[in-house]
Amino acid sequence: MFDEFGQRIRRLLERLRRAERRELREFRRWAETTDRLVHLSVLVFVPLLIGLVTLLSNAVPQLSFLLFPPLASGSYTLFVDPRGKYADPVQFVAGLTIGAACGLGALWVSTALLSSPSGQFQVAAGAAVLATLATGLITWPFDIEEPSAYSTALLALLVQPSQRLTFLGSIFLASAIVAVVFVVWRNRFYDRRATVLYESTTGDDHVLVPMRGEHAHATAMLAARLAAAHEAGKVVLLDIVGDTEAAETERAMLNGGMGVAGVEAAGTDGEVSDAVRERVERLESRAATVETRVGVPCQVVVATGEESAAATTLQAAESTNCDLIARHTRANTALTTYLRELFRGRSDVLVHRSRNGRTRWRRVLVPVRRASDVAHHMVDFAVRLAGGSGRVAVATCIGDGGDRRRAESMLADLAEPFVGDIETRVSGADIHSFLGRASTEYDLVIIGASQDRSAASRFITPPTFERLDDLETDVAIVDRSR
């Protein structure tokens, strides 16, 4: 009884752990986009930094609470646009400090030359004008314009005479702390988010290639070039055989453990044996070509197709520890039952349509609708395939009334984390017209499978990849596992 209860508890804990891993993975994918990552960082770091400075203020009574408003707004300006005009840590510290100094200077001039208001918290209008004017005149020629500098300049007018130097020093110290944290965050995390956060850049280095189709060898080479981006990359060529005895014979020949007599024993006549021998020789030749030309380990696996071909493929991917399935398809890119089943599996899928058996892709076009983990996936694949000497273009189509500025910002965020020759293109045409004109300039077009759209949306407007049969270039459809 106790053993049964313990097993139930263990099963419950295992389910909870699986659910936790799934939720963490979904959250990580949700947070992959630059916009969400930046806003999450703002929500985390700005409050923590203000809390840290508050602790220092409580520990050192001389630190004025007046520094917190400009510090909070300045910190937000840094983190919300890490590579923007005002995201310079030196400019941030210098601007706030100069603003405080200008305010204190204006306060001194006002006290010495102008009449001061009688109220306790009133400030002379002339002092306010002089503080903001001095801040603008000094920060402009030194190119250290900082919006929050005007806040510190005006707040300095409220500082008591005995605390003026302390206020100036506290502004410098607090802003320096914020700047140091920002630099560490930007250099160690934000600029390296492609390798630290994006799952695509750390996975998909073990690729399974079902060897079916006229240009399956081209798909195998594409898979090899994707895997070659990682030191642990490998390619597995999969041959699905319907007959169990023929599959066993093929495995034995691939393992070097069967000769001609064994081959003949697999069938009733020489024709079957010749077919098996020819298939084995072709697979071995493909594997040798991959290893020789790309330098990636390549093995051959033979599976018996007792279940559906898609189920057999997914099972083979799991048993060989492959996280990406690269499948060749015919010229028609409409989803077949086989591909639909693959898309429902737990492995990432790349469907490759080859026009002429090309095995090198140096110019790659990646059309995207929005920033997402799938978009990062496609850009990462394009960079891997193009290599150091290739060229990648990331494009989006906004139509007649689209927001070009927002589209350009989105593409810049997509391209920035990746290393390579990446250009961005915004087109006012629809996606099909754009691809019809632009695809001739590229060797490969990588597009998403649109699995995040609802069934109704897909019914009204079929996915773009299903309407690309007229493109005279290679097409790759990318789908991430759910």
Protein backbone atom coordinates (compact mmCIF):
# COMPACT_ATOMS: atom_id res chain seq x y z
CA MET A 1 0.00 0.00 0.00
CA PHE A 2 2.78 2.40 0.96
CA ASP A 3 4.75 1.41 -2.16
CA GLU A 4 1.76 2.21 -4.36
CA PHE A 5 1.30 5.56 -2.60
CA GLY A 6 5.00 6.35 -3.06
CA GLN A 7 4.79 5.55 -6.78
CA ARG A 8 1.83 7.89 -7.15
CA ILE A 9 3.76 10.66 -5.42
CA ARG A 10 6.76 10.08 -7.70
CA ARG A 11 4.56 10.15 -10.80
CA LEU A 12 2.93 13.36 -9.59
CA LEU A 13 6.32 14.98 -8.95
CA GLU A 14 7.54 13.91 -12.38
CA ARG A 15 4.46 15.49 -14.01
CA LEU A 16 5.08 18.69 -12.08
CA ARG A 17 8.71 18.76 -13.17
CA ARG A 18 7.72 18.22 -16.81
CA ALA A 19 5.13 20.99 -16.57
CA GLU A 20 7.68 23.29 -14.97
CA ARG A 21 10.24 22.61 -17.72
CA ARG A 22 7.57 23.19 -20.37
CA GLU A 23 6.49 26.49 -18.82
CA LEU A 24 10.09 27.67 -18.50
CA ARG A 25 10.74 26.79 -22.11
CA GLU A 26 7.62 28.65 -23.25
CA PHE A 27 8.58 31.67 -21.16
CA ARG A 28 12.08 31.63 -22.63
CA ARG A 29 10.68 31.61 -26.14
CA TRP A 30 8.25 34.40 -25.26
CA ALA A 31 11.12 36.50 -23.88
CA GLU A 32 13.35 35.93 -26.94
CA THR A 33 12.18 39.01 -28.79
CA THR A 34 14.30 42.09 -28.19
CA ASP A 35 11.35 44.31 -27.29
CA ARG A 36 10.14 41.94 -24.55
CA LEU A 37 13.66 41.33 -23.30
CA VAL A 38 14.29 45.06 -22.95
CA HIS A 39 11.05 45.72 -21.11
CA LEU A 40 11.64 42.77 -18.78
CA SER A 41 15.09 44.18 -18.05
CA VAL A 42 13.58 47.59 -17.32
CA LEU A 43 11.10 46.00 -14.91
CA VAL A 44 13.90 44.16 -13.13
CA PHE A 45 16.95 46.43 -13.14
CA VAL A 46 15.47 49.93 -12.71
CA PRO A 47 13.58 49.07 -9.48
CA LEU A 48 16.56 47.09 -8.13
CA LEU A 49 18.98 49.92 -8.84
CA ILE A 50 16.71 52.50 -7.26
CA GLY A 51 16.33 50.20 -4.27
CA LEU A 52 20.12 49.88 -3.99
CA VAL A 53 20.61 53.64 -4.09
CA THR A 54 17.83 54.02 -1.51
CA LEU A 55 19.67 51.67 0.83
CA LEU A 56 22.80 53.77 0.39
CA SER A 57 20.78 56.91 1.05
CA ASN A 58 19.41 55.46 4.27
CA ALA A 59 22.88 54.40 5.36
CA VAL A 60 24.42 57.77 4.50
CA PRO A 61 22.04 60.55 5.62
CA GLN A 62 23.95 63.14 3.60
CA LEU A 63 22.73 61.56 0.35
CA SER A 64 19.74 63.59 -0.79
CA PHE A 65 16.51 61.93 -1.87
CA LEU A 66 16.25 64.62 -4.55
CA LEU A 67 18.55 62.60 -6.79
CA PHE A 68 16.07 59.72 -7.22
CA PRO A 69 13.64 61.19 -9.81
CA PRO A 70 16.32 62.02 -12.43
CA LEU A 71 18.15 58.80 -11.62
CA ALA A 72 15.03 56.70 -12.21
CA SER A 73 14.19 58.42 -15.51
CA GLY A 74 17.81 58.26 -16.65
CA SER A 75 18.06 54.56 -15.80
CA TYR A 76 14.92 53.88 -17.81
CA THR A 77 16.40 55.77 -20.77
CA LEU A 78 19.53 53.59 -20.63
CA PHE A 79 17.84 50.21 -20.41
CA VAL A 80 14.86 50.81 -22.70
CA ASP A 81 17.07 51.53 -25.72
CA PRO A 82 20.47 49.90 -25.03
CA ARG A 83 21.95 50.93 -28.37
CA GLY A 84 20.13 54.21 -28.80
CA LYS A 85 21.30 57.81 -28.84
CA TYR A 86 21.16 58.22 -25.07
CA ALA A 87 22.49 54.78 -24.11
CA ASP A 88 26.04 56.00 -23.46
CA PRO A 89 27.09 55.35 -19.83
CA VAL A 90 29.71 58.13 -19.89
CA GLN A 91 27.16 60.56 -21.29
CA PHE A 92 24.69 59.43 -18.63
CA VAL A 93 27.05 60.09 -15.70
CA ALA A 94 28.48 63.28 -17.16
CA GLY A 95 25.07 64.67 -18.11
CA LEU A 96 23.53 64.16 -14.67
CA THR A 97 26.60 65.53 -12.91
CA ILE A 98 26.90 68.57 -15.17
CA GLY A 99 23.18 69.24 -14.77
CA ALA A 100 23.56 69.21 -10.99
CA ALA A 101 26.61 71.48 -11.20
CA CYS A 102 24.75 73.93 -13.46
CA GLY A 103 21.82 73.99 -11.07
CA LEU A 104 24.07 74.69 -8.10
CA GLY A 105 25.88 77.38 -10.04
CA ALA A 106 22.59 79.01 -11.01
CA LEU A 107 21.49 78.85 -7.38
CA TRP A 108 24.66 80.64 -6.29
CA VAL A 109 24.23 83.37 -8.92
CA SER A 110 20.57 83.77 -7.98
CA THR A 111 21.39 84.11 -4.30
CA ALA A 112 24.17 86.61 -4.93
CA LEU A 113 22.57 88.80 -7.62
CA LEU A 114 18.83 88.19 -7.63
CA SER A 115 16.19 88.49 -4.98
CA SER A 116 15.11 85.15 -3.53
CA PRO A 117 11.42 84.21 -3.07
CA SER A 118 10.18 84.29 0.51
CA GLY A 119 8.51 80.83 0.49
CA GLN A 120 10.41 77.82 1.86
CA PHE A 121 10.16 75.71 -1.33
CA GLN A 122 9.96 78.52 -3.84
CA VAL A 123 12.64 79.07 -6.48
CA ALA A 124 13.48 82.25 -8.32
CA ALA A 125 12.32 82.14 -11.93
CA GLY A 126 15.64 83.59 -13.03
CA ALA A 127 17.50 80.74 -11.32
CA ALA A 128 15.39 78.16 -13.14
CA VAL A 129 16.03 79.87 -16.48
CA LEU A 130 19.74 80.14 -15.80
CA ALA A 131 20.04 76.48 -14.67
CA THR A 132 18.38 75.03 -17.77
CA LEU A 133 20.17 77.44 -20.10
CA ALA A 134 23.58 76.61 -18.64
CA THR A 135 22.85 72.88 -18.85
CA GLY A 136 21.96 73.15 -22.52
CA LEU A 137 24.92 75.37 -23.38
CA ILE A 138 27.47 73.10 -21.69
CA THR A 139 26.15 69.67 -22.71
CA TRP A 140 25.53 70.57 -26.36
CA PRO A 141 29.09 71.34 -27.56
CA PHE A 142 30.50 68.36 -25.61
CA ASP A 143 27.89 66.03 -27.19
CA ILE A 144 26.80 64.75 -23.79
CA GLU A 145 23.14 65.66 -24.04
CA GLU A 146 21.17 63.78 -21.42
CA PRO A 147 17.43 64.40 -20.88
CA SER A 148 17.66 63.80 -17.14
CA ALA A 149 20.37 66.47 -16.83
CA TYR A 150 17.65 69.13 -16.85
CA SER A 151 15.93 67.36 -13.94
CA THR A 152 19.08 67.44 -11.82
CA ALA A 153 19.65 71.08 -12.75
CA LEU A 154 16.20 72.09 -11.47
CA LEU A 155 16.26 69.85 -8.41
CA ALA A 156 19.61 71.36 -7.40
CA LEU A 157 17.78 74.64 -6.86
CA LEU A 158 16.04 73.07 -3.84
CA VAL A 159 19.23 71.87 -2.13
CA GLN A 160 20.17 73.50 1.15
CA PRO A 161 23.49 75.40 1.19
CA SER A 162 25.08 72.90 3.58
CA GLN A 163 24.29 69.94 1.28
CA ARG A 164 25.28 71.30 -2.11
CA LEU A 165 28.64 69.54 -2.49
CA THR A 166 27.15 66.37 -1.00
CA PHE A 167 24.31 66.51 -3.54
CA LEU A 168 26.77 66.89 -6.41
CA GLY A 169 28.87 63.96 -5.15
CA SER A 170 25.83 61.76 -4.61
CA ILE A 171 24.60 62.44 -8.14
CA PHE A 172 27.96 61.35 -9.54
CA LEU A 173 28.21 58.24 -7.31
CA ALA A 174 24.65 57.03 -7.87
CA SER A 175 24.76 57.56 -11.63
CA ALA A 176 28.13 55.78 -11.80
CA ILE A 177 26.64 52.72 -10.04
CA VAL A 178 23.77 52.62 -12.52
CA ALA A 179 26.18 53.04 -15.45
CA VAL A 180 28.41 50.16 -14.30
CA VAL A 181 25.44 47.80 -13.93
CA PHE A 182 24.14 48.85 -17.34
CA VAL A 183 27.49 48.25 -19.06
CA VAL A 184 27.79 44.77 -17.53
CA TRP A 185 24.20 43.90 -18.51
CA ARG A 186 24.59 45.21 -22.05
CA ASN A 187 27.98 43.61 -22.78
CA ARG A 188 27.45 40.30 -21.00
CA PHE A 189 23.79 39.66 -21.76
CA TYR A 190 22.05 42.00 -24.20
CA ASP A 191 24.76 42.00 -26.87
CA ARG A 192 25.16 38.23 -26.49
CA ARG A 193 21.45 37.40 -26.33
CA ALA A 194 21.66 35.28 -29.47
CA THR A 195 23.95 32.78 -27.70
CA VAL A 196 22.72 33.30 -24.14
CA LEU A 197 18.95 33.37 -24.69
CA TYR A 198 18.02 32.18 -28.17
CA GLU A 199 17.46 28.43 -28.25
CA SER A 200 18.05 28.27 -32.00
CA THR A 201 21.73 29.18 -31.70
CA THR A 202 22.47 26.47 -29.14
CA GLY A 203 20.41 23.66 -30.70
CA ASP A 204 19.61 22.04 -34.03
CA ASP A 205 23.14 20.70 -34.40
CA HIS A 206 22.01 17.06 -34.72
CA VAL A 207 20.02 16.80 -37.95
CA LEU A 208 18.04 13.82 -39.24
CA VAL A 209 17.54 13.64 -43.02
CA PRO A 210 14.99 11.15 -44.44
CA MET A 211 16.55 10.13 -47.75
CA ARG A 212 13.55 10.39 -50.02
CA GLY A 213 13.09 12.59 -53.06
CA GLU A 214 14.93 13.49 -56.23
CA HIS A 215 17.25 15.98 -54.51
CA ALA A 216 17.52 14.40 -51.06
CA HIS A 217 21.30 14.66 -51.39
CA ALA A 218 20.95 18.45 -51.58
CA THR A 219 18.88 18.42 -48.39
CA ALA A 220 21.58 16.31 -46.74
CA MET A 221 24.19 18.92 -47.67
CA LEU A 222 21.95 21.69 -46.34
CA ALA A 223 21.58 19.78 -43.08
CA ALA A 224 25.34 19.31 -42.90
CA ARG A 225 26.01 23.02 -43.33
CA LEU A 226 23.53 23.78 -40.54
CA ALA A 227 25.16 21.23 -38.24
CA ALA A 228 28.67 22.44 -39.10
CA ALA A 229 28.02 25.67 -37.19
CA HIS A 230 28.49 23.74 -33.92
CA GLU A 231 31.43 21.60 -32.88
CA ALA A 232 29.13 18.80 -31.75
CA GLY A 233 27.17 18.80 -35.01
CA LYS A 234 26.26 15.61 -36.81
CA VAL A 235 24.00 14.42 -39.62
CA VAL A 236 21.96 11.22 -39.62
CA LEU A 237 20.71 9.90 -42.96
CA LEU A 238 17.50 7.91 -42.51
CA ASP A 239 16.35 5.18 -44.87
CA ILE A 240 12.83 3.86 -44.21
CA VAL A 241 12.34 0.32 -45.49
CA GLY A 242 8.96 -1.39 -45.52
CA ASP A 243 10.27 -4.96 -45.40
CA THR A 244 11.76 -6.08 -42.08
CA GLU A 245 14.17 -8.63 -43.59
CA ALA A 246 15.41 -6.14 -46.17
CA ALA A 247 15.95 -3.59 -43.39
CA GLU A 248 17.96 -6.09 -41.33
CA THR A 249 20.04 -6.93 -44.39
CA GLU A 250 20.67 -3.29 -45.10
CA ARG A 251 21.74 -2.63 -41.50
CA ALA A 252 24.13 -5.54 -41.59
CA MET A 253 25.71 -4.35 -44.84
CA LEU A 254 26.09 -0.83 -43.47
CA ASN A 255 27.76 -2.23 -40.37
CA GLY A 256 30.14 -4.27 -42.53
CA GLY A 257 28.91 -7.56 -41.21
CA MET A 258 27.34 -9.21 -44.30
CA GLY A 259 28.62 -10.25 -47.63
CA VAL A 260 27.03 -11.26 -50.94
CA ALA A 261 25.66 -14.52 -49.54
CA GLY A 262 23.85 -12.64 -46.81
CA VAL A 263 22.39 -10.23 -49.32
CA GLU A 264 21.07 -13.06 -51.45
CA ALA A 265 19.51 -14.64 -48.38
CA ALA A 266 17.44 -11.53 -47.84
CA GLY A 267 15.31 -12.21 -50.92
CA THR A 268 14.24 -14.90 -53.33
CA ASP A 269 16.13 -13.65 -56.35
CA GLY A 270 19.06 -11.52 -57.34
CA GLU A 271 16.89 -8.52 -58.20
CA VAL A 272 15.96 -7.87 -54.55
CA SER A 273 19.59 -8.24 -53.50
CA ASP A 274 20.70 -5.81 -56.19
CA ALA A 275 18.14 -3.27 -55.03
CA VAL A 276 19.36 -3.51 -51.44
CA ARG A 277 22.99 -3.32 -52.53
CA GLU A 278 22.30 -0.28 -54.69
CA ARG A 279 20.46 1.48 -51.84
CA VAL A 280 23.29 0.78 -49.38
CA GLU A 281 25.95 2.01 -51.80
CA ARG A 282 23.97 5.19 -52.43
CA LEU A 283 23.57 5.90 -48.71
CA GLU A 284 27.26 5.25 -48.04
CA SER A 285 28.20 7.52 -50.92
CA ARG A 286 25.97 10.32 -49.60
CA ALA A 287 27.40 9.99 -46.10
CA ALA A 288 30.98 10.05 -47.41
CA THR A 289 30.23 13.16 -49.48
CA VAL A 290 28.83 14.97 -46.45
CA GLU A 291 31.82 14.10 -44.28
CA THR A 292 34.36 14.95 -46.99
CA ARG A 293 32.88 18.22 -48.25
CA VAL A 294 31.53 19.68 -45.00
CA GLY A 295 33.56 17.90 -42.33
CA VAL A 296 30.58 16.87 -40.24
CA PRO A 297 30.20 13.31 -38.89
CA CYS A 298 27.50 11.49 -40.81
CA GLN A 299 25.89 8.16 -39.99
CA VAL A 300 23.22 6.10 -41.69
CA VAL A 301 20.20 4.65 -39.88
CA VAL A 302 17.73 2.16 -41.34
CA ALA A 303 14.22 2.07 -39.91
CA THR A 304 11.36 -0.30 -40.63
CA GLY A 305 8.24 1.59 -41.65
CA GLU A 306 5.72 -0.52 -39.77
CA GLU A 307 3.89 2.65 -38.67
CA SER A 308 3.26 5.77 -40.74
CA ALA A 309 6.33 7.29 -42.36
CA ALA A 310 6.03 10.43 -40.20
CA ALA A 311 5.77 8.42 -36.96
CA THR A 312 8.81 6.38 -38.01
CA THR A 313 10.74 9.56 -38.79
CA LEU A 314 9.88 11.16 -35.44
CA GLN A 315 10.81 7.98 -33.58
CA ALA A 316 14.13 7.82 -35.43
CA ALA A 317 14.85 11.45 -34.53
CA GLU A 318 14.26 10.69 -30.86
CA SER A 319 16.33 7.50 -30.83
CA THR A 320 19.29 9.18 -32.58
CA ASN A 321 19.07 12.30 -30.37
CA CYS A 322 18.36 14.61 -33.30
CA ASP A 323 16.66 17.93 -32.59
CA LEU A 324 16.02 18.90 -36.22
CA ILE A 325 14.46 16.97 -39.10
CA ALA A 326 15.40 18.21 -42.58
CA ARG A 327 13.07 16.75 -45.20
CA HIS A 328 13.17 17.16 -48.97
CA THR A 329 9.89 17.84 -50.73
CA ARG A 330 8.73 18.06 -54.31
CA ALA A 331 8.19 21.33 -56.19
CA ASN A 332 4.67 21.64 -54.75
CA THR A 333 5.14 23.12 -51.27
CA ALA A 334 1.59 22.43 -50.04
CA LEU A 335 1.56 20.44 -46.80
CA THR A 336 1.12 16.72 -47.22
CA THR A 337 -0.21 14.43 -44.49
CA TYR A 338 3.35 13.34 -43.81
CA LEU A 339 4.57 16.91 -43.26
CA ARG A 340 1.57 17.81 -41.10
CA GLU A 341 2.39 14.90 -38.81
CA LEU A 342 6.02 15.99 -38.65
CA PHE A 343 4.96 19.52 -37.66
CA ARG A 344 2.95 18.07 -34.78
CA GLY A 345 6.02 16.28 -33.40
CA ARG A 346 8.47 17.43 -30.77
CA SER A 347 11.38 18.00 -33.17
CA ASP A 348 12.08 21.15 -35.14
CA VAL A 349 11.39 20.63 -38.83
CA LEU A 350 12.90 22.12 -41.97
CA VAL A 351 11.21 21.27 -45.26
CA HIS A 352 13.54 21.85 -48.21
CA ARG A 353 12.44 22.24 -51.82
CA SER A 354 15.40 22.09 -54.17
CA ARG A 355 15.05 23.31 -57.74
CA ASN A 356 18.24 21.97 -59.29
CA GLY A 357 20.16 20.08 -56.60
CA ARG A 358 22.17 23.07 -55.36
CA THR A 359 24.48 22.20 -52.46
CA ARG A 360 25.81 25.65 -51.51
CA TRP A 361 23.73 28.65 -50.45
CA ARG A 362 25.70 31.89 -50.09
CA ARG A 363 22.83 34.35 -50.62
CA VAL A 364 19.85 33.75 -48.35
CA LEU A 365 16.61 35.73 -48.04
CA VAL A 366 14.53 35.55 -44.84
CA PRO A 367 11.06 37.16 -45.09
CA VAL A 368 9.40 37.63 -41.68
CA ARG A 369 6.06 38.98 -40.46
CA ARG A 370 7.14 39.94 -36.95
CA ALA A 371 9.86 39.36 -34.37
CA SER A 372 9.52 35.94 -32.76
CA ASP A 373 11.50 32.87 -31.76
CA VAL A 374 10.74 31.38 -35.18
CA ALA A 375 12.13 34.50 -36.87
CA HIS A 376 15.33 34.18 -34.80
CA HIS A 377 15.46 30.53 -35.84
CA MET A 378 15.27 31.42 -39.52
CA VAL A 379 17.90 34.16 -39.30
CA ASP A 380 20.21 31.81 -37.42
CA PHE A 381 19.80 29.15 -40.12
CA ALA A 382 20.46 31.72 -42.84
CA VAL A 383 23.67 32.89 -41.14
CA ARG A 384 24.86 29.29 -40.75
CA LEU A 385 24.23 28.51 -44.42
CA ALA A 386 25.70 31.71 -45.83
CA GLY A 387 28.88 31.41 -43.79
CA GLY A 388 31.49 34.11 -43.46
CA SER A 389 31.61 34.90 -47.17
CA GLY A 390 27.86 34.85 -47.79
CA ARG A 391 25.10 37.42 -47.57
CA VAL A 392 21.82 37.34 -45.66
CA ALA A 393 18.83 39.63 -46.14
CA VAL A 394 16.02 39.88 -43.59
CA ALA A 395 12.90 41.42 -45.11
CA THR A 396 9.34 42.32 -44.23
CA CYS A 397 6.42 43.57 -46.29
CA ILE A 398 4.23 46.33 -44.87
CA GLY A 399 1.82 46.97 -47.73
CA ASP A 400 0.57 50.42 -48.66
CA GLY A 401 -0.28 51.74 -45.19
CA GLY A 402 2.33 50.05 -43.02
CA ASP A 403 4.55 51.73 -40.47
CA ARG A 404 7.97 51.76 -42.13
CA ARG A 405 9.80 53.14 -39.11
CA ARG A 406 8.47 50.38 -36.85
CA ALA A 407 9.26 47.72 -39.47
CA GLU A 408 12.84 48.97 -39.80
CA SER A 409 13.25 48.92 -36.02
CA MET A 410 11.90 45.38 -35.84
CA LEU A 411 14.28 44.13 -38.53
CA ALA A 412 17.22 45.88 -36.88
CA ASP A 413 16.43 44.13 -33.59
CA LEU A 414 16.24 40.79 -35.42
CA ALA A 415 19.55 41.20 -37.23
CA GLU A 416 21.61 42.88 -34.50
CA PRO A 417 22.42 39.84 -32.30
CA PHE A 418 23.84 37.78 -35.17
CA VAL A 419 27.33 38.00 -36.63
CA GLY A 420 27.62 38.22 -40.38
CA ASP A 421 26.79 40.28 -43.44
CA ILE A 422 23.08 40.92 -42.79
CA GLU A 423 21.04 43.55 -44.57
CA THR A 424 17.44 44.53 -43.84
CA ARG A 425 14.77 45.28 -46.43
CA VAL A 426 11.33 46.84 -45.98
CA SER A 427 9.00 46.55 -48.95
CA GLY A 428 5.70 48.33 -49.54
CA ALA A 429 4.53 45.50 -51.80
CA ASP A 430 2.70 42.36 -50.73
CA ILE A 431 4.80 39.33 -49.84
CA HIS A 432 4.17 37.40 -53.05
CA SER A 433 5.03 40.29 -55.35
CA PHE A 434 8.14 41.02 -53.33
CA LEU A 435 9.36 37.41 -53.38
CA GLY A 436 8.59 37.13 -57.08
CA ARG A 437 10.96 40.04 -57.79
CA ALA A 438 13.60 39.57 -55.09
CA SER A 439 14.02 35.78 -54.98
CA THR A 440 16.05 35.72 -58.20
CA GLU A 441 18.86 37.52 -56.35
CA TYR A 442 19.18 34.72 -53.78
CA ASP A 443 20.03 31.04 -53.63
CA LEU A 444 17.54 30.20 -50.90
CA VAL A 445 14.39 31.67 -49.33
CA ILE A 446 13.73 30.65 -45.72
CA ILE A 447 10.17 31.15 -44.55
CA GLY A 448 8.12 30.18 -41.49
CA ALA A 449 5.42 27.51 -41.44
CA SER A 450 2.80 29.91 -39.97
CA GLN A 451 1.83 27.38 -37.32
CA ASP A 452 1.04 30.19 -34.86
CA ARG A 453 -1.97 31.26 -36.94
CA SER A 454 -5.48 30.03 -36.23
CA ALA A 455 -7.24 27.54 -38.49
CA ALA A 456 -9.70 30.24 -39.58
CA SER A 457 -6.89 32.61 -40.51
CA ARG A 458 -5.10 29.91 -42.47
CA PHE A 459 -8.36 29.03 -44.28
CA ILE A 460 -9.03 32.63 -45.31
CA THR A 461 -5.44 33.37 -46.25
CA PRO A 462 -3.35 30.26 -46.97
CA PRO A 463 0.22 30.28 -45.62
CA THR A 464 2.73 32.06 -47.82
CA PHE A 465 4.88 28.96 -48.34
CA GLU A 466 1.95 27.16 -50.00
CA ARG A 467 1.95 29.77 -52.77
CA LEU A 468 5.62 29.81 -53.72
CA ASP A 469 5.68 27.17 -56.42
CA ASP A 470 6.55 29.73 -59.08
CA LEU A 471 9.80 30.79 -57.39
CA GLU A 472 12.85 29.69 -59.36
CA THR A 473 15.01 29.27 -56.28
CA ASP A 474 15.33 26.91 -53.34
CA VAL A 475 12.81 27.26 -50.52
CA ALA A 476 13.12 26.14 -46.89
CA ILE A 477 10.10 26.06 -44.56
CA VAL A 478 10.96 26.21 -40.85
CA ASP A 479 8.72 24.98 -38.05
CA ARG A 480 9.65 24.96 -34.37
CA SER A 481 8.41 22.18 -32.14
CA ARG A 482 5.49 23.05 -29.86
